[in-house]
Amino acid sequence: MATKAIPATDAKAIAEEGFVFGLPLVYIALQSDVMTNVAKPEGGRAPLNQFDHHREFPDARNNKIVGMNVDTLYSLAFLDLSTEPIVLVVPPMEGNRWWIMQTLDTWNDVPAAPGARTHGSKGGSFALVGPNFKGALPAGLEEIRLDSSIANIGGRTYTEGPSDYAAVNKIQDGYKLIPLSEWKGEGTSYTPPASVTVKPGVDAQAPIPKQVFAMSAEQYFNRLSELLVNNPAREADAPIMAKIAKLGITPGAVFKMNTFDAVTQKAIEDGVAAGHQAVLDEQSKMGKIVNGWQIALDLGRYGAKYTYRATWTYFGVGGNLAEDAIYPLGLVDSEGKKFDGANKYTLRFAKDEIPPVDAFWSLTMYDDDAYLVPNPIDRYALGDRSNMKLGDDGSLTIYIQRNSPAADKESNWLPSPKQGQFKLALRLYGPKKQVAEGTWKPPAVQRVN
């Protein structure tokens, strides 16, 4: 058995940094395996390079994915760009309907997010290009260059409610993913395979965060080395790449723990465990706390903030660029106490505090695990389209409690859990300049005594 001479203290530190650095790549690749583990689109999943269209809003009886919104219908896809680009076709929209096709690479960065903000209602044809492609694109395609061969599309289309499903479903049917080799220009007719081979050995049941943390050091670093071949590190990552290379973690290399002595092996395992803890410890720093709301304005552009990037991947993969949407997360009331279903609360916006957005806004209720909350009126969110009543002074008060606040206030009632802690997500789509700059602040949620 070979032994690599590296001090145990160095090995632990390198393993910790390597785990944190590589988490987005390992996590998102695993997420891709899980979410594409079907032969055809069904059950909230779809094969690689095919859309999984959500045809109606989720509800508390259909809690499959944490943090789902009830403002838009999702069109989600994972792509394999290792052999060729994929063309994304977005049809023109009628009226001023809000839409977005957020792209995500395996570093949890957002290289582009074509949508209503950037393209209005005209749609477009976009070539999503991975790092291996060296050719020229046909005329008429807008290039979106990604740093990874595994990519994700987070498509969302504004939906008024159930009465709007048919119109949005028709739009979703117009969204197309076409391999470049099949692209013949505008009007290309392409039908994806009716059935594809499912990748063996994928655990499609256990939560992805749990699976990542369950990997041994050998499993984790082997997977990282494998993925770095077609999903290379950036130029700015050269220092960390040189550091982890001291443990033999390089693109395409086979990482074997038995090449180290027993003391070093334990140090590497301890380093991975320390990496776990670093990610968990960073959760409280995922955004600036303002009036009890956690607000992050730098998602999708993480640079070399590796721990911050890893933590956002672990707890909230796929955050939007601030110019498209900002999601203040309500965690505590005005006294700094966590929300509890046993209490009553109000959220009051003065006339000049009502969320300033170019598109729309909503306030969604989640339980402590970020799932929608069952309630007697099946209401999971309120927003600017909810026909809430304003006060005589133009203010807006939302009543957050488990029971009705009274018949004349029910239009402004957001039901909370019957018991236990909960969270609030204030979604601001198309936030105005003062939101992105942080000069507008959401008011604190007040507990009613």
Protein backbone atom coordinates (compact mmCIF):
# COMPACT_ATOMS: atom_id res chain seq x y z
CA MET A 1 0.00 0.00 0.00
CA ALA A 2 1.40 3.36 -1.04
CA THR A 3 1.64 6.16 1.50
CA LYS A 4 1.53 9.84 0.66
CA ALA A 5 3.63 12.04 2.89
CA ILE A 6 1.48 14.99 3.93
CA PRO A 7 1.08 16.28 7.49
CA ALA A 8 -2.24 15.24 9.02
CA THR A 9 -3.10 18.83 9.99
CA ASP A 10 -2.61 19.91 6.38
CA ALA A 11 -4.65 16.97 5.11
CA LYS A 12 -7.59 17.87 7.36
CA ALA A 13 -7.55 21.55 6.32
CA ILE A 14 -7.30 20.67 2.62
CA ALA A 15 -10.10 18.11 2.87
CA GLU A 16 -12.36 20.64 4.57
CA GLU A 17 -11.69 23.29 1.92
CA GLY A 18 -12.03 20.73 -0.86
CA PHE A 19 -15.38 19.53 0.45
CA VAL A 20 -16.76 23.07 0.68
CA PHE A 21 -15.37 24.08 -2.72
CA GLY A 22 -16.78 21.03 -4.49
CA LEU A 23 -20.20 20.86 -2.83
CA PRO A 24 -22.14 22.74 -5.55
CA LEU A 25 -20.71 20.48 -8.26
CA VAL A 26 -21.38 17.23 -6.38
CA TYR A 27 -24.80 18.38 -5.14
CA ILE A 28 -26.15 19.65 -8.47
CA ALA A 29 -24.84 16.64 -10.39
CA LEU A 30 -26.60 14.37 -7.90
CA GLN A 31 -29.73 16.50 -8.18
CA SER A 32 -29.56 16.06 -11.94
CA ASP A 33 -29.28 12.27 -11.58
CA VAL A 34 -32.28 12.17 -9.24
CA MET A 35 -34.53 14.53 -11.17
CA THR A 36 -33.84 12.83 -14.53
CA ASN A 37 -34.24 9.27 -13.20
CA VAL A 38 -37.26 8.49 -15.38
CA ALA A 39 -37.72 7.05 -18.87
CA LYS A 40 -40.17 9.82 -19.83
CA PRO A 41 -41.55 12.99 -18.21
CA GLU A 42 -43.73 11.94 -15.28
CA GLY A 43 -44.22 12.49 -11.58
CA GLY A 44 -42.37 15.81 -11.41
CA ARG A 45 -39.27 14.54 -13.23
CA ALA A 46 -38.06 14.34 -16.81
CA PRO A 47 -35.11 12.78 -18.67
CA LEU A 48 -32.08 14.88 -19.55
CA ASN A 49 -32.78 17.57 -22.16
CA GLN A 50 -36.55 17.38 -21.65
CA PHE A 51 -38.93 19.68 -19.76
CA ASP A 52 -40.82 18.71 -16.64
CA HIS A 53 -43.83 21.02 -16.85
CA HIS A 54 -45.83 21.65 -13.68
CA ARG A 55 -49.37 22.08 -14.99
CA GLU A 56 -50.98 23.47 -11.84
CA PHE A 57 -50.00 25.01 -8.53
CA PRO A 58 -48.81 22.74 -5.74
CA ASP A 59 -50.84 22.49 -2.57
CA ALA A 60 -50.33 21.09 0.91
CA ARG A 61 -51.48 17.66 -0.32
CA ASN A 62 -48.82 17.63 -3.02
CA ASN A 63 -45.70 18.60 -1.08
CA LYS A 64 -42.88 17.11 -3.13
CA ILE A 65 -40.47 20.02 -3.35
CA VAL A 66 -39.59 22.52 -0.64
CA GLY A 67 -40.22 26.20 -1.15
CA MET A 68 -42.54 25.92 -4.16
CA ASN A 69 -44.26 29.16 -5.13
CA VAL A 70 -47.91 29.66 -6.04
CA ASP A 71 -47.28 32.59 -8.37
CA THR A 72 -45.93 30.82 -11.45
CA LEU A 73 -46.06 27.43 -13.13
CA TYR A 74 -42.68 25.77 -13.35
CA SER A 75 -40.99 24.34 -16.43
CA LEU A 76 -37.84 22.63 -15.19
CA ALA A 77 -35.10 20.77 -17.02
CA PHE A 78 -31.62 19.37 -16.54
CA LEU A 79 -29.33 19.44 -19.55
CA ASP A 80 -26.30 17.49 -20.73
CA LEU A 81 -24.11 19.87 -22.72
CA SER A 82 -21.06 17.61 -22.82
CA THR A 83 -21.46 16.56 -26.47
CA GLU A 84 -23.32 19.49 -28.03
CA PRO A 85 -25.32 22.64 -27.21
CA ILE A 86 -29.06 22.50 -26.58
CA VAL A 87 -31.37 25.05 -28.19
CA LEU A 88 -34.07 26.52 -25.95
CA VAL A 89 -37.07 27.93 -27.81
CA VAL A 90 -39.41 30.36 -26.03
CA PRO A 91 -42.51 31.37 -27.99
CA PRO A 92 -43.81 34.95 -28.03
CA MET A 93 -46.06 35.84 -25.10
CA GLU A 94 -49.41 37.53 -25.38
CA GLY A 95 -49.74 40.74 -23.42
CA ASN A 96 -47.25 41.53 -20.69
CA ARG A 97 -47.09 38.09 -19.11
CA TRP A 98 -44.03 37.67 -16.88
CA TRP A 99 -41.73 34.75 -17.68
CA ILE A 100 -38.17 33.68 -17.00
CA MET A 101 -35.84 30.90 -18.14
CA GLN A 102 -33.18 31.03 -15.46
CA THR A 103 -30.07 29.03 -16.34
CA LEU A 104 -27.91 27.47 -13.65
CA ASP A 105 -24.47 25.87 -13.88
CA THR A 106 -23.03 23.29 -11.51
CA TRP A 107 -21.35 26.00 -9.40
CA ASN A 108 -24.82 27.34 -8.52
CA ASP A 109 -24.15 30.47 -10.55
CA VAL A 110 -26.67 32.02 -12.95
CA PRO A 111 -24.87 32.95 -16.19
CA ALA A 112 -28.07 34.21 -17.82
CA ALA A 113 -31.78 34.48 -17.14
CA PRO A 114 -33.66 35.40 -20.31
CA GLY A 115 -37.15 36.53 -19.47
CA ALA A 116 -39.61 39.39 -19.45
CA ARG A 117 -36.98 41.73 -18.01
CA THR A 118 -34.49 41.06 -20.81
CA HIS A 119 -36.67 40.08 -23.79
CA GLY A 120 -40.12 41.44 -23.07
CA SER A 121 -42.86 39.37 -24.68
CA LYS A 122 -40.97 38.39 -27.84
CA GLY A 123 -39.41 35.15 -26.58
CA GLY A 124 -36.44 33.87 -28.53
CA SER A 125 -34.18 30.98 -29.50
CA PHE A 126 -31.18 30.47 -27.21
CA ALA A 127 -28.22 28.12 -27.60
CA LEU A 128 -27.00 26.83 -24.25
CA VAL A 129 -23.33 26.08 -24.79
CA GLY A 130 -21.09 24.06 -22.47
CA PRO A 131 -17.31 24.25 -22.04
CA ASN A 132 -16.52 21.47 -24.55
CA PHE A 133 -18.09 23.09 -27.61
CA LYS A 134 -15.63 24.81 -29.94
CA GLY A 135 -17.69 25.23 -33.11
CA ALA A 136 -19.73 28.09 -34.52
CA LEU A 137 -23.43 28.52 -33.89
CA PRO A 138 -25.97 28.98 -36.71
CA ALA A 139 -27.29 32.47 -37.28
CA GLY A 140 -30.37 33.44 -35.34
CA LEU A 141 -29.41 31.80 -32.05
CA GLU A 142 -28.59 33.84 -28.96
CA GLU A 143 -25.65 32.19 -27.19
CA ILE A 144 -25.73 31.46 -23.46
CA ARG A 145 -22.32 30.20 -22.41
CA LEU A 146 -22.12 28.00 -19.31
CA ASP A 147 -19.00 26.88 -17.43
CA SER A 148 -20.36 23.37 -16.92
CA SER A 149 -21.70 20.52 -19.02
CA ILE A 150 -24.45 19.79 -16.52
CA ALA A 151 -26.94 22.64 -16.55
CA ASN A 152 -30.36 23.39 -15.17
CA ILE A 153 -33.21 25.52 -16.50
CA GLY A 154 -35.60 26.99 -13.96
CA GLY A 155 -38.45 28.16 -16.15
CA ARG A 156 -41.38 30.01 -14.58
CA THR A 157 -44.45 31.51 -16.22
CA TYR A 158 -46.76 33.92 -14.40
CA THR A 159 -50.13 32.36 -13.65
CA GLU A 160 -53.19 34.22 -12.33
CA GLY A 161 -54.71 31.09 -10.78
CA PRO A 162 -56.59 27.94 -11.81
CA SER A 163 -58.59 29.89 -14.40
CA ASP A 164 -55.27 30.72 -16.11
CA TYR A 165 -53.93 27.15 -16.24
CA ALA A 166 -55.11 26.41 -19.80
CA ALA A 167 -53.45 29.52 -21.23
CA VAL A 168 -50.16 28.87 -19.39
CA ASN A 169 -50.17 25.17 -20.26
CA LYS A 170 -50.40 26.17 -23.92
CA ILE A 171 -47.38 28.44 -23.47
CA GLN A 172 -45.50 25.61 -21.75
CA ASP A 173 -46.20 23.36 -24.73
CA GLY A 174 -44.41 25.95 -26.85
CA TYR A 175 -41.21 25.76 -24.80
CA LYS A 176 -38.80 23.46 -26.68
CA LEU A 177 -35.39 21.88 -26.02
CA ILE A 178 -33.68 20.79 -29.22
CA PRO A 179 -30.15 19.35 -29.66
CA LEU A 180 -28.09 21.62 -31.92
CA SER A 181 -27.60 18.75 -34.38
CA GLU A 182 -31.40 18.66 -34.86
CA TRP A 183 -31.78 22.42 -35.20
CA LYS A 184 -32.93 23.50 -38.66
CA GLY A 185 -33.79 27.09 -37.85
CA GLU A 186 -37.02 28.72 -36.75
CA GLY A 187 -39.93 26.31 -36.90
CA THR A 188 -37.76 23.24 -36.32
CA SER A 189 -39.93 20.23 -35.55
CA TYR A 190 -38.28 17.91 -33.06
CA THR A 191 -39.75 15.19 -30.88
CA PRO A 192 -37.62 13.94 -27.98
CA PRO A 193 -37.24 10.17 -27.50
CA ALA A 194 -40.40 8.50 -26.21
CA SER A 195 -38.35 6.51 -23.71
CA VAL A 196 -34.75 6.73 -22.52
CA THR A 197 -32.55 4.39 -20.50
CA VAL A 198 -32.63 5.16 -16.78
CA LYS A 199 -29.26 5.52 -15.06
CA PRO A 200 -28.76 2.62 -12.63
CA GLY A 201 -27.90 2.97 -8.95
CA VAL A 202 -29.62 6.33 -8.38
CA ASP A 203 -31.37 6.80 -5.04
CA ALA A 204 -34.40 8.80 -6.09
CA GLN A 205 -36.00 8.73 -2.63
CA ALA A 206 -33.51 10.04 -0.03
CA PRO A 207 -33.20 13.86 0.14
CA ILE A 208 -30.22 15.14 -1.83
CA PRO A 209 -28.65 17.06 1.10
CA LYS A 210 -28.77 13.87 3.17
CA GLN A 211 -27.15 11.87 0.36
CA VAL A 212 -24.32 14.38 -0.04
CA PHE A 213 -23.49 14.41 3.66
CA ALA A 214 -23.68 10.59 3.77
CA MET A 215 -20.82 10.19 1.26
CA SER A 216 -17.50 8.99 2.63
CA ALA A 217 -14.44 11.10 1.87
CA GLU A 218 -13.40 8.59 -0.79
CA GLN A 219 -16.82 8.60 -2.45
CA TYR A 220 -17.07 12.37 -2.35
CA PHE A 221 -13.64 13.21 -3.72
CA ASN A 222 -13.86 10.51 -6.38
CA ARG A 223 -17.12 12.02 -7.57
CA LEU A 224 -15.64 15.51 -7.50
CA SER A 225 -12.60 14.43 -9.53
CA GLU A 226 -14.84 12.69 -12.06
CA LEU A 227 -17.13 15.68 -12.48
CA LEU A 228 -14.28 18.18 -12.89
CA VAL A 229 -13.49 16.67 -16.31
CA ASN A 230 -16.56 18.10 -18.08
CA ASN A 231 -17.38 20.74 -15.48
CA PRO A 232 -14.01 22.43 -15.02
CA ALA A 233 -13.06 24.85 -12.31
CA ARG A 234 -12.70 28.50 -13.28
CA GLU A 235 -9.46 30.41 -13.67
CA ALA A 236 -10.08 32.13 -10.34
CA ASP A 237 -10.23 28.70 -8.67
CA ALA A 238 -6.59 27.92 -9.48
CA PRO A 239 -5.39 28.37 -5.84
CA ILE A 240 -7.91 25.92 -4.38
CA MET A 241 -7.35 23.48 -7.25
CA ALA A 242 -3.60 23.52 -6.54
CA LYS A 243 -4.33 22.92 -2.87
CA ILE A 244 -6.63 19.91 -3.30
CA ALA A 245 -4.21 18.46 -5.86
CA LYS A 246 -1.89 17.78 -2.91
CA LEU A 247 -4.39 15.09 -1.88
CA GLY A 248 -4.57 13.74 -5.42
CA ILE A 249 -7.90 15.41 -6.23
CA THR A 250 -7.53 16.41 -9.87
CA PRO A 251 -9.83 16.15 -12.92
CA GLY A 252 -10.30 12.50 -13.85
CA ALA A 253 -8.07 11.11 -11.09
CA VAL A 254 -9.08 8.13 -8.95
CA PHE A 255 -9.02 9.09 -5.29
CA LYS A 256 -8.15 6.19 -2.96
CA MET A 257 -7.94 6.54 0.79
CA ASN A 258 -5.60 3.55 1.08
CA THR A 259 -2.81 5.55 -0.53
CA PHE A 260 -2.56 7.43 2.79
CA ASP A 261 -1.46 6.17 6.18
CA ALA A 262 -4.08 5.62 8.88
CA VAL A 263 -3.46 8.94 10.62
CA THR A 264 -3.84 10.88 7.38
CA GLN A 265 -6.95 8.93 6.43
CA LYS A 266 -8.59 9.93 9.69
CA ALA A 267 -7.50 13.53 9.15
CA ILE A 268 -9.17 13.56 5.73
CA GLU A 269 -12.40 12.12 7.12
CA ASP A 270 -12.25 14.69 9.93
CA GLY A 271 -11.75 17.41 7.34
CA VAL A 272 -14.88 16.34 5.44
CA ALA A 273 -16.83 16.36 8.72
CA ALA A 274 -15.51 19.85 9.41
CA GLY A 275 -16.72 20.81 5.93
CA HIS A 276 -20.20 19.62 6.85
CA GLN A 277 -20.13 21.79 9.96
CA ALA A 278 -18.82 24.81 8.06
CA VAL A 279 -21.82 24.62 5.71
CA LEU A 280 -24.27 24.32 8.61
CA ASP A 281 -22.62 27.15 10.54
CA GLU A 282 -22.89 29.47 7.54
CA GLN A 283 -26.69 29.14 7.41
CA SER A 284 -27.13 32.10 9.75
CA LYS A 285 -25.06 34.21 7.32
CA MET A 286 -27.10 33.48 4.19
CA GLY A 287 -28.31 37.05 4.08
CA LYS A 288 -28.52 40.28 6.00
CA ILE A 289 -31.18 40.30 8.72
CA VAL A 290 -33.47 43.32 8.32
CA ASN A 291 -36.51 43.66 10.61
CA GLY A 292 -36.55 39.89 11.10
CA TRP A 293 -36.24 39.15 7.36
CA GLN A 294 -33.20 37.43 5.90
CA ILE A 295 -32.34 39.19 2.62
CA ALA A 296 -29.64 38.20 0.12
CA LEU A 297 -28.89 40.44 -2.86
CA ASP A 298 -25.96 38.52 -4.35
CA LEU A 299 -27.32 35.13 -5.36
CA GLY A 300 -26.17 33.51 -8.59
CA ARG A 301 -22.85 35.41 -8.60
CA TYR A 302 -20.77 33.84 -5.83
CA GLY A 303 -17.22 34.19 -7.16
CA ALA A 304 -14.76 32.67 -4.68
CA LYS A 305 -17.07 32.87 -1.65
CA TYR A 306 -16.95 29.10 -1.43
CA THR A 307 -18.57 28.54 1.97
CA TYR A 308 -21.38 30.99 1.23
CA ARG A 309 -21.91 29.35 -2.17
CA ALA A 310 -21.91 25.85 -0.68
CA THR A 311 -24.42 26.81 2.00
CA TRP A 312 -26.80 28.42 -0.48
CA THR A 313 -26.53 25.28 -2.61
CA TYR A 314 -27.26 23.03 0.35
CA PHE A 315 -30.20 25.03 1.71
CA GLY A 316 -31.52 26.92 -1.34
CA VAL A 317 -30.01 25.84 -4.65
CA GLY A 318 -30.86 28.00 -7.67
CA GLY A 319 -31.36 31.49 -6.25
CA ASN A 320 -32.42 34.24 -8.65
CA LEU A 321 -30.37 37.22 -9.73
CA ALA A 322 -31.42 40.24 -7.70
CA GLU A 323 -32.64 42.12 -10.76
CA ASP A 324 -35.16 39.32 -11.47
CA ALA A 325 -36.47 38.41 -8.04
CA ILE A 326 -35.61 38.90 -4.38
CA TYR A 327 -37.04 36.64 -1.69
CA PRO A 328 -36.83 38.07 1.84
CA LEU A 329 -37.32 35.15 4.23
CA GLY A 330 -39.26 35.91 7.39
CA LEU A 331 -37.78 34.01 10.33
CA VAL A 332 -38.66 35.99 13.47
CA ASP A 333 -41.09 38.64 14.68
CA SER A 334 -40.32 42.20 15.77
CA GLU A 335 -39.11 40.90 19.14
CA GLY A 336 -36.70 38.43 17.54
CA LYS A 337 -38.81 35.39 18.45
CA LYS A 338 -39.48 32.59 15.96
CA PHE A 339 -42.96 32.43 14.48
CA ASP A 340 -45.30 29.97 16.17
CA GLY A 341 -48.72 28.76 15.05
CA ALA A 342 -50.03 29.27 18.58
CA ASN A 343 -49.73 33.04 18.13
CA LYS A 344 -51.40 35.71 16.02
CA TYR A 345 -49.37 38.16 13.92
CA THR A 346 -49.84 41.10 11.60
CA LEU A 347 -47.69 42.42 8.77
CA ARG A 348 -48.56 46.05 8.08
CA PHE A 349 -47.24 47.95 5.08
CA ALA A 350 -47.68 51.71 5.25
CA LYS A 351 -48.86 53.21 1.97
CA ASP A 352 -45.26 53.99 0.95
CA GLU A 353 -43.97 50.58 2.17
CA ILE A 354 -46.05 48.33 -0.09
CA PRO A 355 -43.46 46.25 -2.02
CA PRO A 356 -42.16 48.28 -4.99
CA VAL A 357 -41.98 45.91 -7.98
CA ASP A 358 -42.24 46.11 -11.74
CA ALA A 359 -43.90 42.69 -11.97
CA PHE A 360 -45.71 41.35 -8.88
CA TRP A 361 -45.19 40.29 -5.27
CA SER A 362 -46.50 37.67 -2.85
CA LEU A 363 -46.24 36.47 0.74
CA THR A 364 -46.22 32.67 1.11
CA MET A 365 -46.69 30.61 4.28
CA TYR A 366 -44.43 27.60 4.90
CA ASP A 367 -43.95 25.26 7.81
CA ASP A 368 -40.53 25.05 9.46
CA ASP A 369 -39.34 22.59 6.78
CA ALA A 370 -40.41 25.00 3.99
CA TYR A 371 -43.48 23.04 2.85
CA LEU A 372 -46.89 24.59 2.20
CA VAL A 373 -49.22 24.61 5.21
CA PRO A 374 -52.63 22.86 5.18
CA ASN A 375 -55.47 25.21 6.06
CA PRO A 376 -59.29 25.27 5.86
CA ILE A 377 -59.47 27.70 2.90
CA ASP A 378 -56.56 26.24 0.87
CA ARG A 379 -54.84 29.62 0.82
CA TYR A 380 -51.06 29.47 0.76
CA ALA A 381 -50.14 33.00 -0.26
CA LEU A 382 -51.39 36.56 -0.57
CA GLY A 383 -50.11 39.24 -2.89
CA ASP A 384 -50.85 42.18 -5.12
CA ARG A 385 -53.36 40.09 -7.13
CA SER A 386 -55.34 38.88 -4.09
CA ASN A 387 -57.90 41.69 -3.88
CA MET A 388 -56.90 42.52 -0.32
CA LYS A 389 -58.53 45.46 1.40
CA LEU A 390 -56.50 48.59 2.02
CA GLY A 391 -56.91 50.80 5.07
CA ASP A 392 -58.38 54.28 4.80
CA ASP A 393 -54.82 55.66 4.84
CA GLY A 394 -53.74 53.40 1.96
CA SER A 395 -51.91 50.97 4.22
CA LEU A 396 -52.12 47.19 3.87
CA THR A 397 -52.41 44.81 6.83
CA ILE A 398 -52.05 41.03 6.48
CA TYR A 399 -53.39 38.88 9.31
CA ILE A 400 -51.21 35.83 9.96
CA GLN A 401 -52.92 33.33 12.25
CA ARG A 402 -54.48 29.87 12.31
CA ASN A 403 -58.12 30.97 12.68
CA SER A 404 -60.11 33.55 10.73
CA PRO A 405 -59.53 37.12 11.96
CA ALA A 406 -63.26 37.90 11.27
CA ALA A 407 -65.37 37.86 8.12
CA ASP A 408 -64.53 41.45 7.15
CA LYS A 409 -60.79 40.69 7.36
CA GLU A 410 -60.67 37.30 5.64
CA SER A 411 -59.55 38.81 2.34
CA ASN A 412 -56.29 39.73 4.13
CA TRP A 413 -55.92 36.45 6.09
CA LEU A 414 -52.87 34.22 5.55
CA PRO A 415 -53.52 31.03 7.53
CA SER A 416 -50.68 29.72 9.70
CA PRO A 417 -50.13 26.18 11.04
CA LYS A 418 -52.35 24.99 13.87
CA GLN A 419 -49.18 24.39 15.86
CA GLY A 420 -45.42 24.54 15.48
CA GLN A 421 -43.01 27.02 13.96
CA PHE A 422 -43.32 28.47 10.48
CA LYS A 423 -41.56 30.70 7.94
CA LEU A 424 -42.71 33.42 5.55
CA ALA A 425 -41.36 34.07 2.07
CA LEU A 426 -41.90 37.54 0.62
CA ARG A 427 -41.32 37.19 -3.12
CA LEU A 428 -40.58 40.35 -5.08
CA TYR A 429 -40.59 39.78 -8.85
CA GLY A 430 -38.99 42.52 -10.90
CA PRO A 431 -37.94 44.45 -7.79
CA LYS A 432 -37.48 48.16 -8.28
CA LYS A 433 -34.13 49.84 -7.78
CA GLN A 434 -34.72 50.70 -4.12
CA VAL A 435 -35.23 47.01 -3.28
CA ALA A 436 -32.08 45.84 -5.03
CA GLU A 437 -30.10 48.66 -3.40
CA GLY A 438 -31.50 47.84 0.03
CA THR A 439 -33.05 51.26 0.66
CA TRP A 440 -36.53 49.71 0.84
CA LYS A 441 -36.95 47.42 3.82
CA PRO A 442 -39.84 45.09 4.62
CA PRO A 443 -41.52 45.99 7.91
CA ALA A 444 -41.26 43.66 10.88
CA VAL A 445 -44.00 41.14 11.58
CA GLN A 446 -45.76 42.06 14.82
CA ARG A 447 -47.08 39.56 17.33
CA VAL A 448 -50.59 40.39 18.51
CA ASN A 449 -50.82 40.22 22.28
